[in-house]
Amino acid sequence: MNSTTDRQLDTEECTWAMICHLSGFALAVCPPVGHVLGPLLAWLLKRDEFPLVDDQGREALNFQLTMTLYFCGGFLLLRSGVGFPLLVSLGAWDIVATIIAAARASRGVRFRYWLAIRFLK
């Protein structure tokens, strides 16, 4: 695992990068849009100050937007019998991937979510 660049990352930058990912859990506080608003606000607040936050904020936002689309698809499939297991799997994936991403970002490592659509580049 390589660090983001050759420059020394400070603790504040890594903390804000981690917050970008963990703020996806804001869905529990502000349904139904908290999971998108959390990363968006953290990214907008610090993206110009910290390059790692700019990168990881976009990544966290892309992932949460992607998960929103996947969850909508799962809800549409509920009547077919496939929807419930899909929603459970998506929920587990969302939690696990977000925790992994936050842990890596806290160490200054850029993380890329698997299966995420890159809406913001």
N, C-alpha and C. Protein backbone atom coordinates (compact mmCIF):
# COMPACT_ATOMS: atom_id res chain seq x y z
N MET A 1 0.83 -1.17 0.00
CA MET A 1 0.00 0.00 0.00
C MET A 1 0.88 1.24 0.00
N ASN A 2 0.69 2.05 -0.98
CA ASN A 2 1.49 3.25 -1.12
C ASN A 2 0.75 4.44 -0.55
N SER A 3 1.48 5.37 0.00
CA SER A 3 0.84 6.59 0.46
C SER A 3 0.46 7.43 -0.75
N THR A 4 -0.30 8.48 -0.51
CA THR A 4 -0.86 9.25 -1.61
C THR A 4 0.21 9.91 -2.47
N THR A 5 1.20 10.47 -1.86
CA THR A 5 2.28 11.12 -2.61
C THR A 5 3.55 11.01 -1.79
N ASP A 6 4.60 11.64 -2.29
CA ASP A 6 5.86 11.65 -1.55
C ASP A 6 5.86 12.68 -0.42
N ARG A 7 4.91 13.58 -0.42
CA ARG A 7 4.87 14.60 0.62
C ARG A 7 4.36 14.01 1.92
N GLN A 8 4.69 14.63 3.01
CA GLN A 8 4.28 14.17 4.33
C GLN A 8 2.82 14.57 4.57
N LEU A 9 1.98 13.62 4.89
CA LEU A 9 0.59 13.90 5.21
C LEU A 9 0.48 14.23 6.68
N ASP A 10 -0.33 15.23 6.99
CA ASP A 10 -0.51 15.54 8.41
C ASP A 10 -1.75 14.82 8.94
N THR A 11 -1.85 14.80 10.23
CA THR A 11 -2.93 14.07 10.90
C THR A 11 -4.29 14.64 10.54
N GLU A 12 -4.38 15.94 10.41
CA GLU A 12 -5.66 16.57 10.09
C GLU A 12 -6.16 16.13 8.71
N GLU A 13 -5.25 16.06 7.76
CA GLU A 13 -5.63 15.64 6.41
C GLU A 13 -6.16 14.21 6.41
N CYS A 14 -5.45 13.32 7.09
CA CYS A 14 -5.89 11.92 7.17
C CYS A 14 -7.21 11.79 7.92
N THR A 15 -7.38 12.60 8.96
CA THR A 15 -8.62 12.57 9.73
C THR A 15 -9.81 13.00 8.88
N TRP A 16 -9.63 14.07 8.12
CA TRP A 16 -10.72 14.53 7.26
C TRP A 16 -11.00 13.54 6.13
N ALA A 17 -9.98 12.88 5.61
CA ALA A 17 -10.20 11.85 4.59
C ALA A 17 -11.02 10.71 5.18
N MET A 18 -10.71 10.34 6.42
CA MET A 18 -11.46 9.29 7.10
C MET A 18 -12.90 9.74 7.34
N ILE A 19 -13.10 10.98 7.72
CA ILE A 19 -14.44 11.52 7.96
C ILE A 19 -15.27 11.47 6.68
N CYS A 20 -14.65 11.72 5.55
CA CYS A 20 -15.39 11.64 4.28
C CYS A 20 -16.04 10.28 4.12
N HIS A 21 -15.33 9.23 4.47
CA HIS A 21 -15.88 7.88 4.35
C HIS A 21 -16.90 7.59 5.45
N LEU A 22 -16.54 7.85 6.70
CA LEU A 22 -17.42 7.52 7.82
C LEU A 22 -18.70 8.33 7.83
N SER A 23 -18.69 9.50 7.22
CA SER A 23 -19.91 10.32 7.19
C SER A 23 -20.99 9.68 6.33
N GLY A 24 -20.65 8.64 5.59
CA GLY A 24 -21.67 7.88 4.87
C GLY A 24 -22.65 7.21 5.82
N PHE A 25 -22.24 7.01 7.06
CA PHE A 25 -23.13 6.43 8.07
C PHE A 25 -24.15 7.44 8.58
N ALA A 26 -24.12 8.67 8.07
CA ALA A 26 -25.08 9.69 8.48
C ALA A 26 -26.50 9.34 8.06
N LEU A 27 -26.66 8.29 7.27
CA LEU A 27 -27.99 7.82 6.90
C LEU A 27 -28.80 7.49 8.16
N ALA A 28 -28.15 6.99 9.18
CA ALA A 28 -28.83 6.64 10.42
C ALA A 28 -29.36 7.88 11.14
N VAL A 29 -28.72 9.02 10.91
CA VAL A 29 -29.12 10.26 11.58
C VAL A 29 -30.09 11.07 10.74
N CYS A 30 -29.89 11.04 9.44
CA CYS A 30 -30.67 11.89 8.54
C CYS A 30 -31.16 11.09 7.32
N PRO A 31 -32.09 10.16 7.54
CA PRO A 31 -32.60 9.41 6.39
C PRO A 31 -33.45 10.32 5.53
N PRO A 32 -33.58 10.16 4.28
CA PRO A 32 -32.96 9.16 3.41
C PRO A 32 -31.74 9.68 2.66
N VAL A 33 -31.26 10.88 3.00
CA VAL A 33 -30.18 11.47 2.20
C VAL A 33 -28.88 11.68 2.97
N GLY A 34 -28.83 11.31 4.23
CA GLY A 34 -27.65 11.55 5.06
C GLY A 34 -26.40 10.89 4.53
N HIS A 35 -26.54 9.72 3.94
CA HIS A 35 -25.37 8.98 3.42
C HIS A 35 -24.71 9.70 2.26
N VAL A 36 -25.43 10.58 1.59
CA VAL A 36 -24.86 11.38 0.50
C VAL A 36 -24.44 12.75 1.01
N LEU A 37 -25.25 13.35 1.86
CA LEU A 37 -24.94 14.68 2.39
C LEU A 37 -23.70 14.69 3.27
N GLY A 38 -23.50 13.64 4.06
CA GLY A 38 -22.33 13.57 4.94
C GLY A 38 -21.02 13.67 4.16
N PRO A 39 -20.77 12.75 3.21
CA PRO A 39 -19.53 12.85 2.43
C PRO A 39 -19.45 14.13 1.60
N LEU A 40 -20.60 14.59 1.09
CA LEU A 40 -20.60 15.81 0.29
C LEU A 40 -20.14 17.00 1.12
N LEU A 41 -20.67 17.15 2.32
CA LEU A 41 -20.29 18.28 3.17
C LEU A 41 -18.82 18.22 3.58
N ALA A 42 -18.38 17.04 4.00
CA ALA A 42 -16.97 16.89 4.40
C ALA A 42 -16.05 17.21 3.23
N TRP A 43 -16.39 16.73 2.06
CA TRP A 43 -15.58 16.97 0.85
C TRP A 43 -15.57 18.45 0.49
N LEU A 44 -16.74 19.08 0.49
CA LEU A 44 -16.81 20.50 0.13
C LEU A 44 -16.07 21.39 1.12
N LEU A 45 -16.07 21.01 2.40
CA LEU A 45 -15.41 21.82 3.42
C LEU A 45 -13.88 21.82 3.28
N LYS A 46 -13.29 20.70 2.91
CA LYS A 46 -11.84 20.57 2.99
C LYS A 46 -11.15 20.19 1.68
N ARG A 47 -11.88 20.09 0.57
CA ARG A 47 -11.27 19.63 -0.68
C ARG A 47 -10.19 20.57 -1.20
N ASP A 48 -10.36 21.86 -1.01
CA ASP A 48 -9.36 22.81 -1.51
C ASP A 48 -8.13 22.87 -0.61
N GLU A 49 -8.28 22.46 0.62
CA GLU A 49 -7.18 22.53 1.59
C GLU A 49 -6.29 21.28 1.55
N PHE A 50 -6.89 20.13 1.32
CA PHE A 50 -6.16 18.86 1.39
C PHE A 50 -6.40 18.00 0.14
N PRO A 51 -5.35 17.67 -0.61
CA PRO A 51 -5.51 16.82 -1.80
C PRO A 51 -6.07 15.43 -1.50
N LEU A 52 -5.68 14.84 -0.38
CA LEU A 52 -6.20 13.52 -0.03
C LEU A 52 -7.70 13.59 0.23
N VAL A 53 -8.16 14.64 0.87
CA VAL A 53 -9.59 14.81 1.15
C VAL A 53 -10.34 15.02 -0.16
N ASP A 54 -9.76 15.75 -1.09
CA ASP A 54 -10.39 15.94 -2.39
C ASP A 54 -10.60 14.59 -3.08
N ASP A 55 -9.58 13.77 -3.07
CA ASP A 55 -9.66 12.46 -3.71
C ASP A 55 -10.62 11.52 -2.98
N GLN A 56 -10.46 11.39 -1.68
CA GLN A 56 -11.27 10.44 -0.92
C GLN A 56 -12.70 10.92 -0.73
N GLY A 57 -12.91 12.22 -0.71
CA GLY A 57 -14.27 12.75 -0.64
C GLY A 57 -15.05 12.41 -1.89
N ARG A 58 -14.42 12.59 -3.05
CA ARG A 58 -15.07 12.20 -4.31
C ARG A 58 -15.35 10.70 -4.33
N GLU A 59 -14.39 9.92 -3.86
CA GLU A 59 -14.54 8.46 -3.84
C GLU A 59 -15.70 8.05 -2.92
N ALA A 60 -15.77 8.63 -1.74
CA ALA A 60 -16.85 8.30 -0.80
C ALA A 60 -18.20 8.72 -1.35
N LEU A 61 -18.25 9.89 -1.97
CA LEU A 61 -19.50 10.37 -2.55
C LEU A 61 -19.93 9.48 -3.72
N ASN A 62 -18.99 9.12 -4.58
CA ASN A 62 -19.30 8.21 -5.69
C ASN A 62 -19.85 6.89 -5.16
N PHE A 63 -19.23 6.36 -4.13
CA PHE A 63 -19.68 5.08 -3.58
C PHE A 63 -21.09 5.19 -3.01
N GLN A 64 -21.37 6.24 -2.27
CA GLN A 64 -22.70 6.37 -1.67
C GLN A 64 -23.77 6.60 -2.74
N LEU A 65 -23.45 7.34 -3.78
CA LEU A 65 -24.40 7.50 -4.89
C LEU A 65 -24.63 6.16 -5.59
N THR A 66 -23.56 5.40 -5.79
CA THR A 66 -23.68 4.07 -6.40
C THR A 66 -24.53 3.16 -5.54
N MET A 67 -24.30 3.16 -4.24
CA MET A 67 -25.08 2.32 -3.35
C MET A 67 -26.56 2.72 -3.38
N THR A 68 -26.85 3.99 -3.52
CA THR A 68 -28.23 4.44 -3.63
C THR A 68 -28.90 3.80 -4.84
N LEU A 69 -28.20 3.80 -5.97
CA LEU A 69 -28.74 3.16 -7.17
C LEU A 69 -28.94 1.66 -6.97
N TYR A 70 -27.96 1.01 -6.37
CA TYR A 70 -28.07 -0.43 -6.13
C TYR A 70 -29.22 -0.76 -5.18
N PHE A 71 -29.38 0.05 -4.14
CA PHE A 71 -30.49 -0.18 -3.20
C PHE A 71 -31.84 0.03 -3.88
N CYS A 72 -31.93 1.03 -4.74
CA CYS A 72 -33.19 1.24 -5.48
C CYS A 72 -33.51 0.02 -6.33
N GLY A 73 -32.50 -0.54 -6.98
CA GLY A 73 -32.70 -1.75 -7.76
C GLY A 73 -33.14 -2.91 -6.89
N GLY A 74 -32.55 -3.02 -5.71
CA GLY A 74 -32.95 -4.08 -4.78
C GLY A 74 -34.39 -3.94 -4.33
N PHE A 75 -34.83 -2.71 -4.08
CA PHE A 75 -36.21 -2.49 -3.69
C PHE A 75 -37.17 -2.85 -4.82
N LEU A 76 -36.77 -2.56 -6.06
CA LEU A 76 -37.60 -2.93 -7.20
C LEU A 76 -37.73 -4.44 -7.35
N LEU A 77 -36.74 -5.17 -6.88
CA LEU A 77 -36.73 -6.62 -7.01
C LEU A 77 -37.32 -7.35 -5.80
N LEU A 78 -37.83 -6.62 -4.83
CA LEU A 78 -38.35 -7.24 -3.62
C LEU A 78 -39.45 -8.28 -3.89
N ARG A 79 -40.33 -8.00 -4.80
CA ARG A 79 -41.43 -8.92 -5.09
C ARG A 79 -40.97 -10.18 -5.79
N SER A 80 -39.79 -10.15 -6.40
CA SER A 80 -39.32 -11.31 -7.14
C SER A 80 -38.64 -12.35 -6.23
N GLY A 81 -38.40 -12.00 -4.99
CA GLY A 81 -37.72 -12.91 -4.09
C GLY A 81 -36.21 -12.71 -4.06
N VAL A 82 -35.70 -12.00 -5.02
CA VAL A 82 -34.25 -11.73 -5.09
C VAL A 82 -33.91 -10.48 -4.31
N GLY A 83 -34.87 -9.59 -4.16
CA GLY A 83 -34.62 -8.29 -3.57
C GLY A 83 -34.13 -8.33 -2.14
N PHE A 84 -34.75 -9.14 -1.30
CA PHE A 84 -34.37 -9.15 0.11
C PHE A 84 -32.93 -9.61 0.32
N PRO A 85 -32.52 -10.76 -0.26
CA PRO A 85 -31.10 -11.14 -0.08
C PRO A 85 -30.14 -10.12 -0.70
N LEU A 86 -30.55 -9.51 -1.78
CA LEU A 86 -29.72 -8.48 -2.41
C LEU A 86 -29.56 -7.28 -1.49
N LEU A 87 -30.65 -6.84 -0.89
CA LEU A 87 -30.59 -5.69 0.01
C LEU A 87 -29.73 -5.98 1.24
N VAL A 88 -29.86 -7.18 1.78
CA VAL A 88 -29.03 -7.55 2.94
C VAL A 88 -27.56 -7.56 2.56
N SER A 89 -27.25 -8.14 1.40
CA SER A 89 -25.86 -8.18 0.93
C SER A 89 -25.32 -6.78 0.67
N LEU A 90 -26.12 -5.94 0.06
CA LEU A 90 -25.70 -4.56 -0.20
C LEU A 90 -25.45 -3.80 1.10
N GLY A 91 -26.32 -4.00 2.07
CA GLY A 91 -26.14 -3.33 3.35
C GLY A 91 -24.85 -3.75 4.04
N ALA A 92 -24.58 -5.05 4.02
CA ALA A 92 -23.34 -5.56 4.61
C ALA A 92 -22.13 -5.02 3.87
N TRP A 93 -22.20 -5.02 2.54
CA TRP A 93 -21.09 -4.51 1.73
C TRP A 93 -20.86 -3.03 2.01
N ASP A 94 -21.91 -2.27 2.12
CA ASP A 94 -21.79 -0.83 2.39
C ASP A 94 -21.05 -0.60 3.70
N ILE A 95 -21.41 -1.32 4.73
CA ILE A 95 -20.78 -1.15 6.04
C ILE A 95 -19.31 -1.58 6.02
N VAL A 96 -19.05 -2.77 5.49
CA VAL A 96 -17.68 -3.30 5.49
C VAL A 96 -16.76 -2.44 4.64
N ALA A 97 -17.19 -2.10 3.44
CA ALA A 97 -16.35 -1.31 2.54
C ALA A 97 -16.07 0.08 3.10
N THR A 98 -17.07 0.67 3.73
CA THR A 98 -16.88 2.00 4.32
C THR A 98 -15.87 1.96 5.46
N ILE A 99 -15.93 0.94 6.28
CA ILE A 99 -14.98 0.82 7.39
C ILE A 99 -13.56 0.58 6.86
N ILE A 100 -13.43 -0.27 5.85
CA ILE A 100 -12.10 -0.51 5.25
C ILE A 100 -11.55 0.78 4.66
N ALA A 101 -12.39 1.50 3.92
CA ALA A 101 -11.96 2.75 3.30
C ALA A 101 -11.54 3.77 4.34
N ALA A 102 -12.31 3.89 5.41
CA ALA A 102 -11.98 4.86 6.47
C ALA A 102 -10.66 4.49 7.14
N ALA A 103 -10.45 3.21 7.38
CA ALA A 103 -9.19 2.77 8.01
C ALA A 103 -8.00 3.09 7.13
N ARG A 104 -8.12 2.84 5.85
CA ARG A 104 -7.01 3.14 4.94
C ARG A 104 -6.78 4.63 4.80
N ALA A 105 -7.85 5.39 4.68
CA ALA A 105 -7.72 6.84 4.56
C ALA A 105 -7.09 7.44 5.81
N SER A 106 -7.37 6.86 6.97
CA SER A 106 -6.78 7.38 8.21
C SER A 106 -5.27 7.21 8.24
N ARG A 107 -4.75 6.29 7.43
CA ARG A 107 -3.30 6.08 7.31
C ARG A 107 -2.71 6.82 6.11
N GLY A 108 -3.56 7.58 5.38
CA GLY A 108 -3.08 8.34 4.24
C GLY A 108 -3.05 7.55 2.94
N VAL A 109 -3.72 6.42 2.90
CA VAL A 109 -3.73 5.57 1.71
C VAL A 109 -5.01 5.84 0.92
N ARG A 110 -4.85 6.11 -0.37
CA ARG A 110 -6.01 6.30 -1.23
C ARG A 110 -6.73 4.97 -1.41
N PHE A 111 -8.05 5.00 -1.27
CA PHE A 111 -8.83 3.78 -1.38
C PHE A 111 -9.80 3.91 -2.55
N ARG A 112 -9.97 2.84 -3.28
CA ARG A 112 -10.94 2.78 -4.37
C ARG A 112 -11.95 1.69 -4.06
N TYR A 113 -13.22 2.09 -4.00
CA TYR A 113 -14.29 1.12 -3.75
C TYR A 113 -14.49 0.26 -4.98
N TRP A 114 -14.66 -1.04 -4.73
CA TRP A 114 -14.99 -1.93 -5.83
C TRP A 114 -16.45 -1.73 -6.18
N LEU A 115 -16.77 -1.86 -7.44
CA LEU A 115 -18.14 -1.76 -7.96
C LEU A 115 -18.74 -0.36 -7.88
N ALA A 116 -17.94 0.65 -7.59
CA ALA A 116 -18.46 2.01 -7.52
C ALA A 116 -18.41 2.65 -8.91
N ILE A 117 -19.48 3.37 -9.22
CA ILE A 117 -19.54 4.13 -10.47
C ILE A 117 -18.87 5.47 -10.22
N ARG A 118 -18.01 5.90 -11.08
CA ARG A 118 -17.28 7.17 -10.90
C ARG A 118 -18.09 8.32 -11.51
N PHE A 119 -19.04 8.83 -10.75
CA PHE A 119 -19.85 9.96 -11.20
C PHE A 119 -19.01 11.23 -11.22
N LEU A 120 -18.23 11.43 -10.16
CA LEU A 120 -17.34 12.59 -10.05
C LEU A 120 -15.92 12.10 -10.30
N LYS A 121 -15.24 12.74 -11.22
CA LYS A 121 -13.87 12.31 -11.53
C LYS A 121 -12.88 13.35 -11.09
